[in-house]
N, C-alpha and C. Protein backbone atom coordinates (compact mmCIF):
# COMPACT_ATOMS: atom_id res chain seq x y z
N UNK A 1 0.84 -1.19 0.00
CA UNK A 1 0.00 0.00 0.00
C UNK A 1 0.88 1.24 0.00
N UNK A 2 0.58 2.14 -0.92
CA UNK A 2 1.34 3.39 -1.00
C UNK A 2 0.86 4.33 0.10
N UNK A 3 1.81 4.95 0.77
CA UNK A 3 1.44 5.93 1.79
C UNK A 3 1.46 7.34 1.21
N UNK A 4 1.69 7.44 -0.10
CA UNK A 4 1.65 8.73 -0.77
C UNK A 4 0.43 8.74 -1.69
N UNK A 5 -0.48 9.64 -1.41
CA UNK A 5 -1.70 9.79 -2.20
C UNK A 5 -1.86 11.27 -2.53
N UNK A 6 -2.85 11.59 -3.35
CA UNK A 6 -3.12 13.01 -3.61
C UNK A 6 -3.44 13.74 -2.31
N UNK A 7 -4.07 13.04 -1.37
CA UNK A 7 -4.42 13.65 -0.07
C UNK A 7 -3.16 13.98 0.73
N UNK A 8 -2.23 13.03 0.84
CA UNK A 8 -1.01 13.30 1.62
C UNK A 8 -0.15 14.35 0.92
N UNK A 9 -0.14 14.32 -0.41
CA UNK A 9 0.62 15.34 -1.15
C UNK A 9 0.04 16.73 -0.92
N UNK A 10 -1.28 16.84 -0.91
CA UNK A 10 -1.93 18.14 -0.69
C UNK A 10 -1.58 18.69 0.69
N UNK A 11 -1.57 17.81 1.70
CA UNK A 11 -1.24 18.25 3.06
C UNK A 11 0.24 18.64 3.16
N UNK A 12 1.11 17.87 2.54
CA UNK A 12 2.54 18.17 2.55
C UNK A 12 2.79 19.53 1.89
N UNK A 13 2.17 19.74 0.74
CA UNK A 13 2.34 21.01 0.02
C UNK A 13 1.83 22.19 0.83
N UNK A 14 0.79 21.95 1.65
CA UNK A 14 0.22 23.01 2.48
C UNK A 14 1.01 23.22 3.78
N UNK A 15 2.03 22.38 4.01
CA UNK A 15 2.85 22.50 5.21
C UNK A 15 2.15 22.04 6.47
N UNK A 16 1.20 21.11 6.33
CA UNK A 16 0.43 20.61 7.46
C UNK A 16 1.14 19.40 8.08
N UNK A 17 1.22 19.38 9.40
CA UNK A 17 1.82 18.27 10.12
C UNK A 17 0.78 17.16 10.28
N UNK A 18 1.14 15.93 9.88
CA UNK A 18 0.22 14.80 10.00
C UNK A 18 1.01 13.50 10.10
N UNK A 19 0.34 12.45 10.56
CA UNK A 19 0.92 11.11 10.54
C UNK A 19 -0.02 10.20 9.77
N UNK A 20 0.54 9.15 9.19
CA UNK A 20 -0.22 8.22 8.37
C UNK A 20 -0.37 6.90 9.12
N UNK A 21 -1.57 6.35 9.10
CA UNK A 21 -1.87 5.10 9.79
C UNK A 21 -2.59 4.16 8.83
N UNK A 22 -2.07 2.95 8.71
CA UNK A 22 -2.70 1.97 7.82
C UNK A 22 -3.44 0.93 8.65
N UNK A 23 -4.43 0.31 8.03
CA UNK A 23 -5.20 -0.74 8.69
C UNK A 23 -5.77 -1.66 7.61
N UNK A 24 -6.26 -2.81 8.04
CA UNK A 24 -6.88 -3.75 7.11
C UNK A 24 -8.32 -3.31 6.84
N UNK A 25 -8.53 -2.81 5.64
CA UNK A 25 -9.85 -2.32 5.22
C UNK A 25 -10.76 -3.52 4.96
N UNK A 26 -11.97 -3.46 5.51
CA UNK A 26 -12.95 -4.53 5.30
C UNK A 26 -14.05 -4.01 4.38
N UNK A 27 -14.04 -4.43 3.09
CA UNK A 27 -15.04 -3.94 2.16
C UNK A 27 -16.47 -4.37 2.51
N UNK A 28 -16.60 -5.36 3.37
CA UNK A 28 -17.93 -5.85 3.75
C UNK A 28 -18.43 -5.27 5.05
N UNK A 29 -17.67 -4.35 5.63
CA UNK A 29 -18.09 -3.74 6.90
C UNK A 29 -19.40 -2.99 6.70
N UNK A 30 -20.27 -3.12 7.69
CA UNK A 30 -21.56 -2.44 7.61
C UNK A 30 -21.37 -0.92 7.63
N UNK A 31 -20.45 -0.45 8.48
CA UNK A 31 -20.15 0.98 8.58
C UNK A 31 -18.63 1.14 8.51
N UNK A 32 -18.16 1.63 7.39
CA UNK A 32 -16.72 1.71 7.09
C UNK A 32 -15.95 2.53 8.13
N UNK A 33 -16.51 3.68 8.53
CA UNK A 33 -15.83 4.53 9.51
C UNK A 33 -15.65 3.85 10.85
N UNK A 34 -16.67 3.12 11.29
CA UNK A 34 -16.57 2.41 12.57
C UNK A 34 -15.56 1.28 12.47
N UNK A 35 -15.52 0.61 11.31
CA UNK A 35 -14.54 -0.46 11.12
C UNK A 35 -13.12 0.11 11.16
N UNK A 36 -12.92 1.28 10.56
CA UNK A 36 -11.60 1.92 10.58
C UNK A 36 -11.20 2.27 12.01
N UNK A 37 -12.13 2.83 12.79
CA UNK A 37 -11.84 3.19 14.18
C UNK A 37 -11.43 1.97 14.98
N UNK A 38 -12.17 0.90 14.81
CA UNK A 38 -11.85 -0.34 15.54
C UNK A 38 -10.49 -0.88 15.12
N UNK A 39 -10.22 -0.85 13.81
CA UNK A 39 -8.97 -1.42 13.28
C UNK A 39 -7.74 -0.66 13.76
N UNK A 40 -7.87 0.66 13.94
CA UNK A 40 -6.70 1.43 14.40
C UNK A 40 -6.72 1.65 15.91
N UNK A 41 -7.75 1.10 16.59
CA UNK A 41 -7.82 1.18 18.05
C UNK A 41 -8.09 2.59 18.56
N UNK A 42 -8.97 3.30 17.87
CA UNK A 42 -9.27 4.67 18.26
C UNK A 42 -10.76 4.83 18.52
N UNK A 43 -11.11 5.82 19.34
CA UNK A 43 -12.51 6.11 19.63
C UNK A 43 -13.22 6.55 18.35
N UNK A 44 -14.45 6.05 18.08
CA UNK A 44 -15.15 6.40 16.85
C UNK A 44 -15.37 7.90 16.65
N UNK A 45 -15.53 8.67 17.74
CA UNK A 45 -15.77 10.11 17.55
C UNK A 45 -14.52 10.86 17.11
N UNK A 46 -13.35 10.21 17.19
CA UNK A 46 -12.10 10.84 16.71
C UNK A 46 -11.75 10.41 15.28
N UNK A 47 -12.44 9.39 14.78
CA UNK A 47 -12.21 8.93 13.40
C UNK A 47 -13.35 9.48 12.56
N UNK A 48 -13.02 10.45 11.73
CA UNK A 48 -14.04 11.16 10.97
C UNK A 48 -14.23 10.52 9.60
N UNK A 49 -15.50 10.48 9.17
CA UNK A 49 -15.78 9.94 7.85
C UNK A 49 -16.04 11.09 6.89
N UNK A 50 -15.61 10.90 5.66
CA UNK A 50 -15.78 11.90 4.62
C UNK A 50 -16.93 11.46 3.72
N UNK A 51 -17.94 12.31 3.63
CA UNK A 51 -19.11 12.00 2.82
C UNK A 51 -19.28 13.06 1.74
N UNK A 52 -19.75 12.63 0.60
CA UNK A 52 -20.04 13.55 -0.48
C UNK A 52 -21.55 13.67 -0.62
N UNK A 53 -22.01 14.90 -0.71
CA UNK A 53 -23.44 15.16 -0.81
C UNK A 53 -23.67 16.24 -1.86
N UNK A 54 -24.93 16.52 -2.09
CA UNK A 54 -25.30 17.62 -2.98
C UNK A 54 -26.30 18.50 -2.24
N UNK A 55 -26.06 19.79 -2.31
CA UNK A 55 -26.98 20.77 -1.75
C UNK A 55 -27.54 21.55 -2.94
N UNK A 56 -28.84 21.46 -3.13
CA UNK A 56 -29.50 22.08 -4.28
C UNK A 56 -28.80 21.68 -5.59
N UNK A 57 -28.35 20.41 -5.65
CA UNK A 57 -27.74 19.88 -6.86
C UNK A 57 -26.26 20.17 -7.02
N UNK A 58 -25.67 20.91 -6.08
CA UNK A 58 -24.23 21.24 -6.17
C UNK A 58 -23.44 20.38 -5.19
N UNK A 59 -22.26 19.88 -5.62
CA UNK A 59 -21.48 18.99 -4.75
C UNK A 59 -20.89 19.69 -3.53
N UNK A 60 -20.95 19.00 -2.41
CA UNK A 60 -20.31 19.46 -1.17
C UNK A 60 -19.67 18.25 -0.49
N UNK A 61 -18.74 18.53 0.38
CA UNK A 61 -18.07 17.50 1.18
C UNK A 61 -18.43 17.77 2.64
N UNK A 62 -18.70 16.70 3.38
CA UNK A 62 -19.03 16.86 4.80
C UNK A 62 -18.25 15.82 5.60
N UNK A 63 -17.62 16.27 6.68
CA UNK A 63 -16.77 15.42 7.50
C UNK A 63 -17.35 15.36 8.90
N UNK A 64 -17.72 14.13 9.32
CA UNK A 64 -18.37 13.95 10.62
C UNK A 64 -17.77 12.75 11.36
N UNK A 65 -17.93 12.70 12.69
CA UNK A 65 -17.46 11.53 13.44
C UNK A 65 -18.10 10.24 12.88
N UNK A 66 -17.33 9.17 12.87
CA UNK A 66 -17.79 7.93 12.24
C UNK A 66 -18.97 7.29 12.95
N UNK A 67 -19.24 7.71 14.19
CA UNK A 67 -20.37 7.13 14.92
C UNK A 67 -21.62 8.02 14.86
N UNK A 68 -21.63 9.00 13.97
CA UNK A 68 -22.76 9.91 13.83
C UNK A 68 -23.26 9.92 12.39
N UNK A 69 -24.49 10.41 12.21
CA UNK A 69 -25.09 10.53 10.88
C UNK A 69 -25.28 12.01 10.55
N UNK A 70 -25.26 12.34 9.28
CA UNK A 70 -25.46 13.72 8.83
C UNK A 70 -26.95 14.05 8.80
N UNK A 71 -27.29 15.22 9.27
CA UNK A 71 -28.65 15.75 9.13
C UNK A 71 -28.70 16.50 7.81
N UNK A 72 -29.50 16.01 6.88
CA UNK A 72 -29.60 16.67 5.57
C UNK A 72 -30.16 18.08 5.69
N UNK A 73 -31.06 18.26 6.63
CA UNK A 73 -31.64 19.59 6.86
C UNK A 73 -30.56 20.57 7.32
N UNK A 74 -29.75 20.16 8.30
CA UNK A 74 -28.67 21.02 8.80
C UNK A 74 -27.63 21.27 7.72
N UNK A 75 -27.31 20.22 6.94
CA UNK A 75 -26.31 20.36 5.89
C UNK A 75 -26.76 21.39 4.84
N UNK A 76 -28.00 21.29 4.42
CA UNK A 76 -28.53 22.25 3.44
C UNK A 76 -28.44 23.67 4.00
N UNK A 77 -28.82 23.85 5.27
CA UNK A 77 -28.80 25.17 5.89
C UNK A 77 -27.39 25.75 5.96
N UNK A 78 -26.40 24.91 6.29
CA UNK A 78 -25.01 25.36 6.41
C UNK A 78 -24.52 25.97 5.09
N UNK A 79 -24.95 25.39 3.98
CA UNK A 79 -24.52 25.88 2.67
C UNK A 79 -25.55 26.79 2.01
N UNK A 80 -26.53 27.24 2.79
CA UNK A 80 -27.51 28.18 2.28
C UNK A 80 -28.45 27.61 1.24
N UNK A 81 -28.69 26.29 1.32
CA UNK A 81 -29.55 25.65 0.35
C UNK A 81 -30.88 25.23 0.93
N UNK A 82 -31.73 24.73 0.06
CA UNK A 82 -33.05 24.27 0.48
C UNK A 82 -33.08 22.78 0.79
N UNK A 83 -32.29 21.99 0.03
CA UNK A 83 -32.32 20.54 0.24
C UNK A 83 -30.94 19.93 0.03
N UNK A 84 -30.71 18.82 0.70
CA UNK A 84 -29.44 18.11 0.58
C UNK A 84 -29.73 16.62 0.44
N UNK A 85 -28.86 15.94 -0.28
CA UNK A 85 -28.97 14.48 -0.45
C UNK A 85 -27.58 13.91 -0.61
N UNK A 86 -27.41 12.66 -0.18
CA UNK A 86 -26.12 12.00 -0.37
C UNK A 86 -25.87 11.81 -1.86
N UNK A 87 -24.62 11.93 -2.24
CA UNK A 87 -24.22 11.73 -3.63
C UNK A 87 -24.17 10.22 -3.89
N UNK A 88 -24.56 9.80 -5.08
CA UNK A 88 -24.46 8.38 -5.44
C UNK A 88 -22.97 8.01 -5.48
N UNK A 89 -22.62 6.78 -5.04
CA UNK A 89 -21.21 6.39 -4.98
C UNK A 89 -20.44 6.62 -6.28
N UNK A 90 -21.00 6.26 -7.42
CA UNK A 90 -20.28 6.42 -8.69
C UNK A 90 -20.03 7.90 -8.99
N UNK A 91 -20.99 8.75 -8.64
CA UNK A 91 -20.84 10.20 -8.86
C UNK A 91 -19.76 10.75 -7.92
N UNK A 92 -19.77 10.28 -6.67
CA UNK A 92 -18.77 10.72 -5.68
C UNK A 92 -17.36 10.33 -6.14
N UNK A 93 -17.22 9.12 -6.66
CA UNK A 93 -15.91 8.66 -7.14
C UNK A 93 -15.42 9.51 -8.31
N UNK A 94 -16.32 9.81 -9.23
CA UNK A 94 -15.96 10.62 -10.40
C UNK A 94 -15.60 12.04 -9.97
N UNK A 95 -16.37 12.59 -9.04
CA UNK A 95 -16.15 13.97 -8.59
C UNK A 95 -14.84 14.14 -7.83
N UNK A 96 -14.49 13.14 -7.01
CA UNK A 96 -13.33 13.28 -6.12
C UNK A 96 -12.05 12.68 -6.68
N UNK A 97 -12.20 11.67 -7.55
CA UNK A 97 -11.02 10.95 -8.03
C UNK A 97 -10.57 9.87 -7.06
N UNK A 98 -11.35 9.64 -6.01
CA UNK A 98 -11.06 8.60 -5.03
C UNK A 98 -12.15 7.53 -5.10
N UNK A 99 -11.84 6.31 -4.64
CA UNK A 99 -12.85 5.26 -4.59
C UNK A 99 -13.59 5.33 -3.25
N UNK A 100 -14.86 4.95 -3.25
CA UNK A 100 -15.64 4.91 -2.02
C UNK A 100 -14.91 4.03 -1.00
N UNK A 101 -14.83 4.50 0.22
CA UNK A 101 -14.05 3.81 1.26
C UNK A 101 -12.65 4.40 1.34
N UNK A 102 -12.30 5.22 0.34
CA UNK A 102 -11.00 5.87 0.31
C UNK A 102 -11.12 7.34 -0.05
N UNK A 103 -12.32 7.89 0.10
CA UNK A 103 -12.52 9.31 -0.25
C UNK A 103 -11.98 10.18 0.88
N UNK A 104 -11.07 11.05 0.52
CA UNK A 104 -10.47 12.00 1.47
C UNK A 104 -11.00 13.39 1.16
N UNK A 105 -11.10 14.24 2.19
CA UNK A 105 -11.47 15.63 1.90
C UNK A 105 -10.30 16.40 1.28
N UNK A 106 -9.08 15.84 1.41
CA UNK A 106 -7.88 16.49 0.90
C UNK A 106 -7.51 15.95 -0.48
N UNK A 107 -7.09 16.82 -1.39
CA UNK A 107 -6.59 16.38 -2.69
C UNK A 107 -7.65 15.89 -3.65
N UNK A 108 -8.90 16.32 -3.46
CA UNK A 108 -9.94 15.92 -4.40
C UNK A 108 -9.67 16.56 -5.75
N UNK A 109 -10.16 15.90 -6.82
CA UNK A 109 -9.94 16.41 -8.18
C UNK A 109 -10.37 17.86 -8.32
N UNK A 110 -11.52 18.17 -7.75
CA UNK A 110 -12.06 19.53 -7.84
C UNK A 110 -12.44 19.96 -6.43
N UNK A 111 -11.95 21.12 -6.01
CA UNK A 111 -12.24 21.61 -4.66
C UNK A 111 -13.73 21.97 -4.56
N UNK A 112 -14.39 21.43 -3.54
CA UNK A 112 -15.80 21.73 -3.31
C UNK A 112 -15.96 22.29 -1.90
N UNK A 113 -17.04 23.02 -1.65
CA UNK A 113 -17.27 23.52 -0.30
C UNK A 113 -17.32 22.36 0.70
N UNK A 114 -16.70 22.55 1.85
CA UNK A 114 -16.60 21.48 2.85
C UNK A 114 -17.08 21.98 4.21
N UNK A 115 -17.79 21.11 4.91
CA UNK A 115 -18.21 21.39 6.29
C UNK A 115 -17.64 20.31 7.19
N UNK A 116 -17.15 20.71 8.35
CA UNK A 116 -16.65 19.77 9.36
C UNK A 116 -17.51 19.93 10.61
N UNK A 117 -17.93 18.81 11.16
CA UNK A 117 -18.76 18.80 12.36
C UNK A 117 -18.07 19.54 13.51
N UNK A 118 -18.81 20.45 14.11
CA UNK A 118 -18.33 21.28 15.22
C UNK A 118 -17.70 20.44 16.34
N UNK A 119 -18.31 19.31 16.69
CA UNK A 119 -17.82 18.49 17.80
C UNK A 119 -16.39 18.00 17.58
N UNK A 120 -15.97 17.85 16.33
CA UNK A 120 -14.61 17.38 16.04
C UNK A 120 -13.56 18.38 16.50
N UNK A 121 -13.95 19.64 16.61
CA UNK A 121 -12.99 20.68 17.00
C UNK A 121 -12.58 20.56 18.46
N UNK A 122 -13.32 19.78 19.24
CA UNK A 122 -13.00 19.58 20.66
C UNK A 122 -11.83 18.62 20.85
N UNK A 123 -11.46 17.89 19.80
CA UNK A 123 -10.40 16.88 19.89
C UNK A 123 -9.05 17.50 19.52
N UNK A 124 -7.96 17.11 20.23
CA UNK A 124 -6.64 17.64 19.86
C UNK A 124 -6.19 17.10 18.50
N UNK A 125 -6.50 15.83 18.24
CA UNK A 125 -6.15 15.19 16.97
C UNK A 125 -7.31 14.33 16.50
N UNK A 126 -7.52 14.30 15.20
CA UNK A 126 -8.56 13.47 14.60
C UNK A 126 -7.95 12.68 13.44
N UNK A 127 -8.68 11.66 13.01
CA UNK A 127 -8.27 10.86 11.86
C UNK A 127 -9.23 11.15 10.71
N UNK A 128 -8.67 11.27 9.51
CA UNK A 128 -9.49 11.43 8.31
C UNK A 128 -8.93 10.51 7.24
N UNK A 129 -9.76 10.17 6.27
CA UNK A 129 -9.30 9.27 5.23
C UNK A 129 -8.12 9.87 4.48
N UNK A 130 -7.16 9.02 4.18
CA UNK A 130 -5.93 9.47 3.52
C UNK A 130 -5.93 9.33 2.02
N UNK A 131 -7.07 8.98 1.43
CA UNK A 131 -7.13 8.93 -0.02
C UNK A 131 -7.06 7.55 -0.62
N UNK A 132 -7.06 6.54 0.23
CA UNK A 132 -7.20 5.17 -0.26
C UNK A 132 -7.73 4.30 0.87
N UNK A 133 -8.35 3.21 0.50
CA UNK A 133 -8.90 2.30 1.49
C UNK A 133 -7.79 1.79 2.39
N UNK A 134 -8.04 1.82 3.71
CA UNK A 134 -7.05 1.32 4.67
C UNK A 134 -5.98 2.33 5.05
N UNK A 135 -6.21 3.60 4.73
CA UNK A 135 -5.22 4.64 5.04
C UNK A 135 -5.90 5.81 5.74
N UNK A 136 -5.47 6.10 6.96
CA UNK A 136 -6.01 7.22 7.73
C UNK A 136 -4.88 8.22 8.00
N UNK A 137 -5.24 9.50 8.02
CA UNK A 137 -4.31 10.58 8.34
C UNK A 137 -4.72 11.14 9.68
N UNK A 138 -3.75 11.29 10.60
CA UNK A 138 -4.03 11.91 11.90
C UNK A 138 -3.47 13.32 11.89
N UNK A 139 -4.33 14.29 12.23
CA UNK A 139 -3.91 15.68 12.23
C UNK A 139 -4.80 16.49 13.16
N UNK A 140 -4.43 17.73 13.37
CA UNK A 140 -5.27 18.59 14.21
C UNK A 140 -6.48 19.02 13.39
N UNK A 141 -7.67 19.04 14.02
CA UNK A 141 -8.85 19.46 13.27
C UNK A 141 -8.74 20.91 12.79
N UNK A 142 -8.03 21.75 13.55
CA UNK A 142 -7.85 23.15 13.14
C UNK A 142 -7.05 23.23 11.84
N UNK A 143 -6.01 22.38 11.71
CA UNK A 143 -5.23 22.35 10.47
C UNK A 143 -6.11 21.89 9.30
N UNK A 144 -6.97 20.91 9.56
CA UNK A 144 -7.85 20.42 8.50
C UNK A 144 -8.78 21.53 8.03
N UNK A 145 -9.36 22.26 8.97
CA UNK A 145 -10.27 23.36 8.62
C UNK A 145 -9.52 24.40 7.78
N UNK A 146 -8.31 24.73 8.21
CA UNK A 146 -7.53 25.76 7.52
C UNK A 146 -7.19 25.35 6.09
N UNK A 147 -6.69 24.14 5.91
CA UNK A 147 -6.27 23.72 4.56
C UNK A 147 -7.48 23.50 3.63
N UNK A 148 -8.60 23.10 4.20
CA UNK A 148 -9.80 22.87 3.39
C UNK A 148 -10.64 24.13 3.19
N UNK A 149 -10.37 25.16 4.00
CA UNK A 149 -11.23 26.34 3.97
C UNK A 149 -12.64 25.95 4.39
N UNK A 150 -12.73 25.01 5.32
CA UNK A 150 -14.01 24.41 5.69
C UNK A 150 -14.83 25.30 6.61
N UNK A 151 -16.12 25.09 6.55
CA UNK A 151 -17.07 25.69 7.48
C UNK A 151 -17.17 24.74 8.67
N UNK A 152 -17.09 25.27 9.87
CA UNK A 152 -17.28 24.46 11.07
C UNK A 152 -18.70 24.70 11.55
N UNK A 153 -19.50 23.63 11.62
CA UNK A 153 -20.90 23.78 12.00
C UNK A 153 -21.44 22.45 12.53
N UNK A 154 -22.56 22.53 13.21
CA UNK A 154 -23.23 21.31 13.65
C UNK A 154 -24.01 20.76 12.45
N UNK A 155 -23.58 19.62 11.94
CA UNK A 155 -24.24 19.02 10.77
C UNK A 155 -24.74 17.61 11.05
N UNK A 156 -24.54 17.12 12.28
CA UNK A 156 -24.97 15.77 12.59
C UNK A 156 -26.42 15.76 13.08
N UNK A 157 -27.06 14.63 12.84
CA UNK A 157 -28.43 14.44 13.32
C UNK A 157 -28.40 14.32 14.83
N UNK A 158 -29.45 14.82 15.47
CA UNK A 158 -29.55 14.67 16.92
C UNK A 158 -29.69 13.20 17.24
N UNK A 159 -29.11 12.78 18.38
CA UNK A 159 -29.16 11.35 18.76
C UNK A 159 -30.57 10.84 18.84
């Protein structure tokens, strides 16, 4: 497995400090983010999942703790839209240049507006997908927000 991806290259070019962590990716896992957290021995709320969605038909990226779900209503509001829906996997792969299970918010083919769940900012370090299945990047959530130009907001569904 290569530890150099478009995601790691984007972070390196931006001068962001990060570490790379590999794990055995399970393509049959019911919830990929939770499987990643378990495989690297980390709390699920520190392992963030990268999801691609559309707000009023325009692509957006949303990063939330792996043990939470996105509220489509909140997501639409964050980007000033009326409605939001998850992007179909094939569309997400084409838009980002990454395969599902390996979609990173960093180094996507085309930069899209990104939102990061507010709760992630409480953690000193978080994990995000590194651009391929079985690869996680550990970094400060503040650095992630800065390099992505992300909006920090509450986008998760209430428990």
